[in-house]
Amino acid sequence: MGMACRVGCGACCIAPSISSPIPGMPDGKPAGVRCIQLTDDHRCAIFGDPRRPQVCVRLRPEPVMCGTGREHALRWLSELEKATRAT
């Protein structure tokens, strides 16, 4: 079973690249760039909105990804991004 999203994290809205359109970012976003929909308190402004990219809808917080804090999550997701990057 998964876990609840950590308040104040937002790593999953920064570290991975997103190739599908996001409201305000029609070409998606590159890895390491903050999503325009990430609010100042690190929440998704379009959570539950049908325009939210499916990759975001499907990504669920898990202990291995989120670890003990935001820095762990940023590192883990950045490494996953590098490992899965098309060459």
N, C-alpha and C. Protein backbone atom coordinates (compact mmCIF):
# COMPACT_ATOMS: atom_id res chain seq x y z
N MET A 1 0.84 -1.19 0.00
CA MET A 1 0.00 0.00 0.00
C MET A 1 0.89 1.25 0.00
N GLY A 2 0.45 2.28 -0.69
CA GLY A 2 1.21 3.51 -0.81
C GLY A 2 1.12 4.35 0.46
N MET A 3 1.61 5.53 0.34
CA MET A 3 1.62 6.45 1.47
C MET A 3 1.00 7.77 1.03
N ALA A 4 0.72 8.63 1.97
CA ALA A 4 0.19 9.95 1.66
C ALA A 4 1.32 10.85 1.17
N CYS A 5 0.99 11.76 0.31
CA CYS A 5 1.98 12.71 -0.19
C CYS A 5 2.47 13.58 0.97
N ARG A 6 3.79 13.79 1.03
CA ARG A 6 4.40 14.57 2.11
C ARG A 6 4.12 16.07 1.88
N VAL A 7 3.61 16.70 2.89
CA VAL A 7 3.35 18.14 2.82
C VAL A 7 4.67 18.88 2.63
N GLY A 8 4.68 19.85 1.71
CA GLY A 8 5.86 20.68 1.50
C GLY A 8 6.95 20.04 0.67
N CYS A 9 6.67 18.96 -0.04
CA CYS A 9 7.71 18.27 -0.81
C CYS A 9 7.74 18.78 -2.26
N GLY A 10 6.83 18.30 -3.09
CA GLY A 10 6.77 18.73 -4.48
C GLY A 10 7.85 18.16 -5.38
N ALA A 11 8.64 17.19 -4.88
CA ALA A 11 9.74 16.64 -5.69
C ALA A 11 9.25 16.05 -7.00
N CYS A 12 8.09 15.41 -6.98
CA CYS A 12 7.58 14.79 -8.20
C CYS A 12 7.10 15.82 -9.22
N CYS A 13 7.02 17.07 -8.82
CA CYS A 13 6.62 18.15 -9.72
C CYS A 13 7.83 18.96 -10.19
N ILE A 14 9.02 18.51 -9.79
CA ILE A 14 10.26 19.20 -10.15
C ILE A 14 11.22 18.26 -10.88
N ALA A 15 11.54 17.13 -10.27
CA ALA A 15 12.61 16.26 -10.77
C ALA A 15 12.34 15.61 -12.12
N PRO A 16 11.17 15.00 -12.36
CA PRO A 16 11.00 14.30 -13.64
C PRO A 16 10.64 15.23 -14.80
N SER A 17 10.99 14.77 -15.99
CA SER A 17 10.51 15.46 -17.19
C SER A 17 9.08 15.00 -17.44
N ILE A 18 8.30 15.85 -18.07
CA ILE A 18 6.93 15.51 -18.45
C ILE A 18 6.79 15.91 -19.91
N SER A 19 6.50 14.94 -20.76
CA SER A 19 6.45 15.21 -22.20
C SER A 19 5.06 15.62 -22.68
N SER A 20 4.04 15.40 -21.87
CA SER A 20 2.69 15.79 -22.28
C SER A 20 2.38 17.22 -21.84
N PRO A 21 1.41 17.84 -22.50
CA PRO A 21 1.07 19.23 -22.15
C PRO A 21 0.56 19.36 -20.72
N ILE A 22 0.93 20.47 -20.12
CA ILE A 22 0.47 20.86 -18.79
C ILE A 22 -0.14 22.25 -18.98
N PRO A 23 -1.29 22.55 -18.37
CA PRO A 23 -1.81 23.91 -18.50
C PRO A 23 -0.73 24.94 -18.11
N GLY A 24 -0.43 25.83 -19.04
CA GLY A 24 0.61 26.83 -18.83
C GLY A 24 1.98 26.38 -19.32
N MET A 25 2.11 25.11 -19.67
CA MET A 25 3.36 24.54 -20.20
C MET A 25 2.97 23.58 -21.34
N PRO A 26 2.57 24.13 -22.48
CA PRO A 26 2.03 23.30 -23.56
C PRO A 26 3.00 22.25 -24.11
N ASP A 27 4.29 22.42 -23.91
CA ASP A 27 5.27 21.45 -24.38
C ASP A 27 5.76 20.54 -23.25
N GLY A 28 5.06 20.52 -22.13
CA GLY A 28 5.52 19.76 -20.97
C GLY A 28 6.63 20.50 -20.26
N LYS A 29 7.49 19.74 -19.56
CA LYS A 29 8.59 20.39 -18.84
C LYS A 29 9.81 19.48 -18.81
N PRO A 30 10.98 20.07 -18.83
CA PRO A 30 12.21 19.27 -18.71
C PRO A 30 12.45 18.86 -17.26
N ALA A 31 13.26 17.85 -17.09
CA ALA A 31 13.64 17.39 -15.75
C ALA A 31 14.33 18.51 -14.99
N GLY A 32 14.03 18.61 -13.71
CA GLY A 32 14.66 19.60 -12.86
C GLY A 32 14.02 20.97 -12.89
N VAL A 33 13.00 21.13 -13.71
CA VAL A 33 12.29 22.42 -13.81
C VAL A 33 10.99 22.32 -13.03
N ARG A 34 10.75 23.30 -12.22
CA ARG A 34 9.53 23.35 -11.42
C ARG A 34 8.31 23.48 -12.33
N CYS A 35 7.30 22.62 -12.12
CA CYS A 35 6.06 22.72 -12.88
C CYS A 35 5.37 24.04 -12.53
N ILE A 36 4.82 24.67 -13.53
CA ILE A 36 4.12 25.94 -13.33
C ILE A 36 2.90 25.77 -12.42
N GLN A 37 2.39 24.54 -12.33
CA GLN A 37 1.21 24.27 -11.52
C GLN A 37 1.55 23.93 -10.06
N LEU A 38 2.82 23.92 -9.72
CA LEU A 38 3.23 23.66 -8.33
C LEU A 38 3.11 24.97 -7.56
N THR A 39 2.27 24.96 -6.54
CA THR A 39 2.04 26.18 -5.77
C THR A 39 3.20 26.48 -4.83
N ASP A 40 3.20 27.65 -4.24
CA ASP A 40 4.27 28.05 -3.32
C ASP A 40 4.38 27.12 -2.11
N ASP A 41 3.26 26.49 -1.73
CA ASP A 41 3.31 25.55 -0.60
C ASP A 41 3.48 24.10 -1.09
N HIS A 42 3.98 23.94 -2.32
CA HIS A 42 4.32 22.64 -2.91
C HIS A 42 3.13 21.71 -3.09
N ARG A 43 2.03 22.25 -3.53
CA ARG A 43 0.85 21.45 -3.86
C ARG A 43 0.53 21.65 -5.33
N CYS A 44 -0.15 20.66 -5.90
CA CYS A 44 -0.53 20.74 -7.32
C CYS A 44 -1.79 21.57 -7.46
N ALA A 45 -1.71 22.65 -8.23
CA ALA A 45 -2.85 23.53 -8.44
C ALA A 45 -3.93 22.88 -9.31
N ILE A 46 -3.57 21.82 -10.04
CA ILE A 46 -4.57 21.18 -10.91
C ILE A 46 -4.84 19.73 -10.47
N PHE A 47 -4.56 19.42 -9.22
CA PHE A 47 -4.86 18.09 -8.69
C PHE A 47 -6.35 17.83 -8.85
N GLY A 48 -6.70 16.68 -9.44
CA GLY A 48 -8.10 16.35 -9.67
C GLY A 48 -8.69 16.94 -10.93
N ASP A 49 -7.94 17.79 -11.61
CA ASP A 49 -8.38 18.43 -12.86
C ASP A 49 -8.10 17.47 -14.02
N PRO A 50 -9.05 17.26 -14.92
CA PRO A 50 -8.82 16.34 -16.04
C PRO A 50 -7.68 16.77 -16.97
N ARG A 51 -7.24 18.01 -16.89
CA ARG A 51 -6.11 18.47 -17.72
C ARG A 51 -4.76 18.07 -17.14
N ARG A 52 -4.76 17.56 -15.94
CA ARG A 52 -3.51 17.11 -15.30
C ARG A 52 -2.94 15.94 -16.10
N PRO A 53 -1.64 15.97 -16.42
CA PRO A 53 -1.05 14.89 -17.22
C PRO A 53 -1.23 13.52 -16.56
N GLN A 54 -1.49 12.51 -17.38
CA GLN A 54 -1.68 11.15 -16.87
C GLN A 54 -0.48 10.64 -16.11
N VAL A 55 0.73 11.03 -16.52
CA VAL A 55 1.92 10.59 -15.78
C VAL A 55 1.86 11.08 -14.34
N CYS A 56 1.32 12.24 -14.13
CA CYS A 56 1.19 12.80 -12.78
C CYS A 56 0.10 12.06 -12.00
N VAL A 57 -1.00 11.77 -12.69
CA VAL A 57 -2.11 11.06 -12.05
C VAL A 57 -1.64 9.68 -11.57
N ARG A 58 -0.82 9.01 -12.39
CA ARG A 58 -0.38 7.65 -12.07
C ARG A 58 0.76 7.57 -11.06
N LEU A 59 1.53 8.63 -10.93
CA LEU A 59 2.66 8.62 -9.99
C LEU A 59 2.13 8.75 -8.56
N ARG A 60 2.40 7.73 -7.77
CA ARG A 60 1.92 7.70 -6.39
C ARG A 60 3.09 7.69 -5.42
N PRO A 61 2.97 8.39 -4.30
CA PRO A 61 4.05 8.37 -3.31
C PRO A 61 4.25 6.96 -2.76
N GLU A 62 5.50 6.55 -2.69
CA GLU A 62 5.89 5.25 -2.15
C GLU A 62 7.11 5.45 -1.26
N PRO A 63 7.25 4.66 -0.20
CA PRO A 63 8.40 4.83 0.70
C PRO A 63 9.75 4.82 -0.01
N VAL A 64 9.94 3.95 -1.00
CA VAL A 64 11.23 3.87 -1.68
C VAL A 64 11.53 5.17 -2.45
N MET A 65 10.50 5.79 -3.00
CA MET A 65 10.67 7.03 -3.76
C MET A 65 10.80 8.23 -2.82
N CYS A 66 9.93 8.30 -1.84
CA CYS A 66 9.86 9.49 -0.99
C CYS A 66 10.88 9.48 0.15
N GLY A 67 11.26 8.29 0.60
CA GLY A 67 12.27 8.18 1.64
C GLY A 67 11.89 8.95 2.89
N THR A 68 12.88 9.57 3.50
CA THR A 68 12.67 10.27 4.76
C THR A 68 12.43 11.77 4.59
N GLY A 69 12.54 12.27 3.37
CA GLY A 69 12.33 13.70 3.18
C GLY A 69 12.43 14.13 1.74
N ARG A 70 12.20 15.40 1.52
CA ARG A 70 12.18 16.00 0.19
C ARG A 70 13.49 15.78 -0.57
N GLU A 71 14.62 15.94 0.10
CA GLU A 71 15.92 15.78 -0.57
C GLU A 71 16.09 14.36 -1.10
N HIS A 72 15.67 13.36 -0.31
CA HIS A 72 15.73 11.97 -0.78
C HIS A 72 14.87 11.81 -2.04
N ALA A 73 13.65 12.33 -2.00
CA ALA A 73 12.73 12.20 -3.13
C ALA A 73 13.30 12.88 -4.38
N LEU A 74 13.85 14.06 -4.23
CA LEU A 74 14.45 14.76 -5.37
C LEU A 74 15.60 13.95 -5.96
N ARG A 75 16.46 13.42 -5.11
CA ARG A 75 17.59 12.60 -5.56
C ARG A 75 17.11 11.34 -6.26
N TRP A 76 16.17 10.63 -5.65
CA TRP A 76 15.67 9.36 -6.19
C TRP A 76 15.01 9.58 -7.55
N LEU A 77 14.16 10.58 -7.63
CA LEU A 77 13.47 10.86 -8.90
C LEU A 77 14.45 11.35 -9.97
N SER A 78 15.45 12.11 -9.59
CA SER A 78 16.47 12.55 -10.55
C SER A 78 17.25 11.37 -11.10
N GLU A 79 17.60 10.43 -10.23
CA GLU A 79 18.31 9.22 -10.68
C GLU A 79 17.42 8.38 -11.58
N LEU A 80 16.16 8.25 -11.26
CA LEU A 80 15.24 7.51 -12.11
C LEU A 80 15.12 8.19 -13.48
N GLU A 81 15.06 9.50 -13.48
CA GLU A 81 15.00 10.26 -14.74
C GLU A 81 16.22 9.96 -15.60
N LYS A 82 17.40 9.99 -14.99
CA LYS A 82 18.64 9.70 -15.74
C LYS A 82 18.64 8.27 -16.28
N ALA A 83 18.19 7.32 -15.46
CA ALA A 83 18.20 5.91 -15.84
C ALA A 83 17.23 5.60 -16.97
N THR A 84 16.17 6.38 -17.08
CA THR A 84 15.13 6.09 -18.08
C THR A 84 15.17 7.06 -19.26
N ARG A 85 16.11 7.96 -19.27
CA ARG A 85 16.23 8.95 -20.35
C ARG A 85 16.53 8.24 -21.67
N ALA A 86 15.81 8.64 -22.70
CA ALA A 86 16.08 8.09 -24.04
C ALA A 86 17.42 8.63 -24.53
N THR A 87 18.20 7.76 -25.14
CA THR A 87 19.51 8.19 -25.63
C THR A 87 19.51 8.36 -27.13
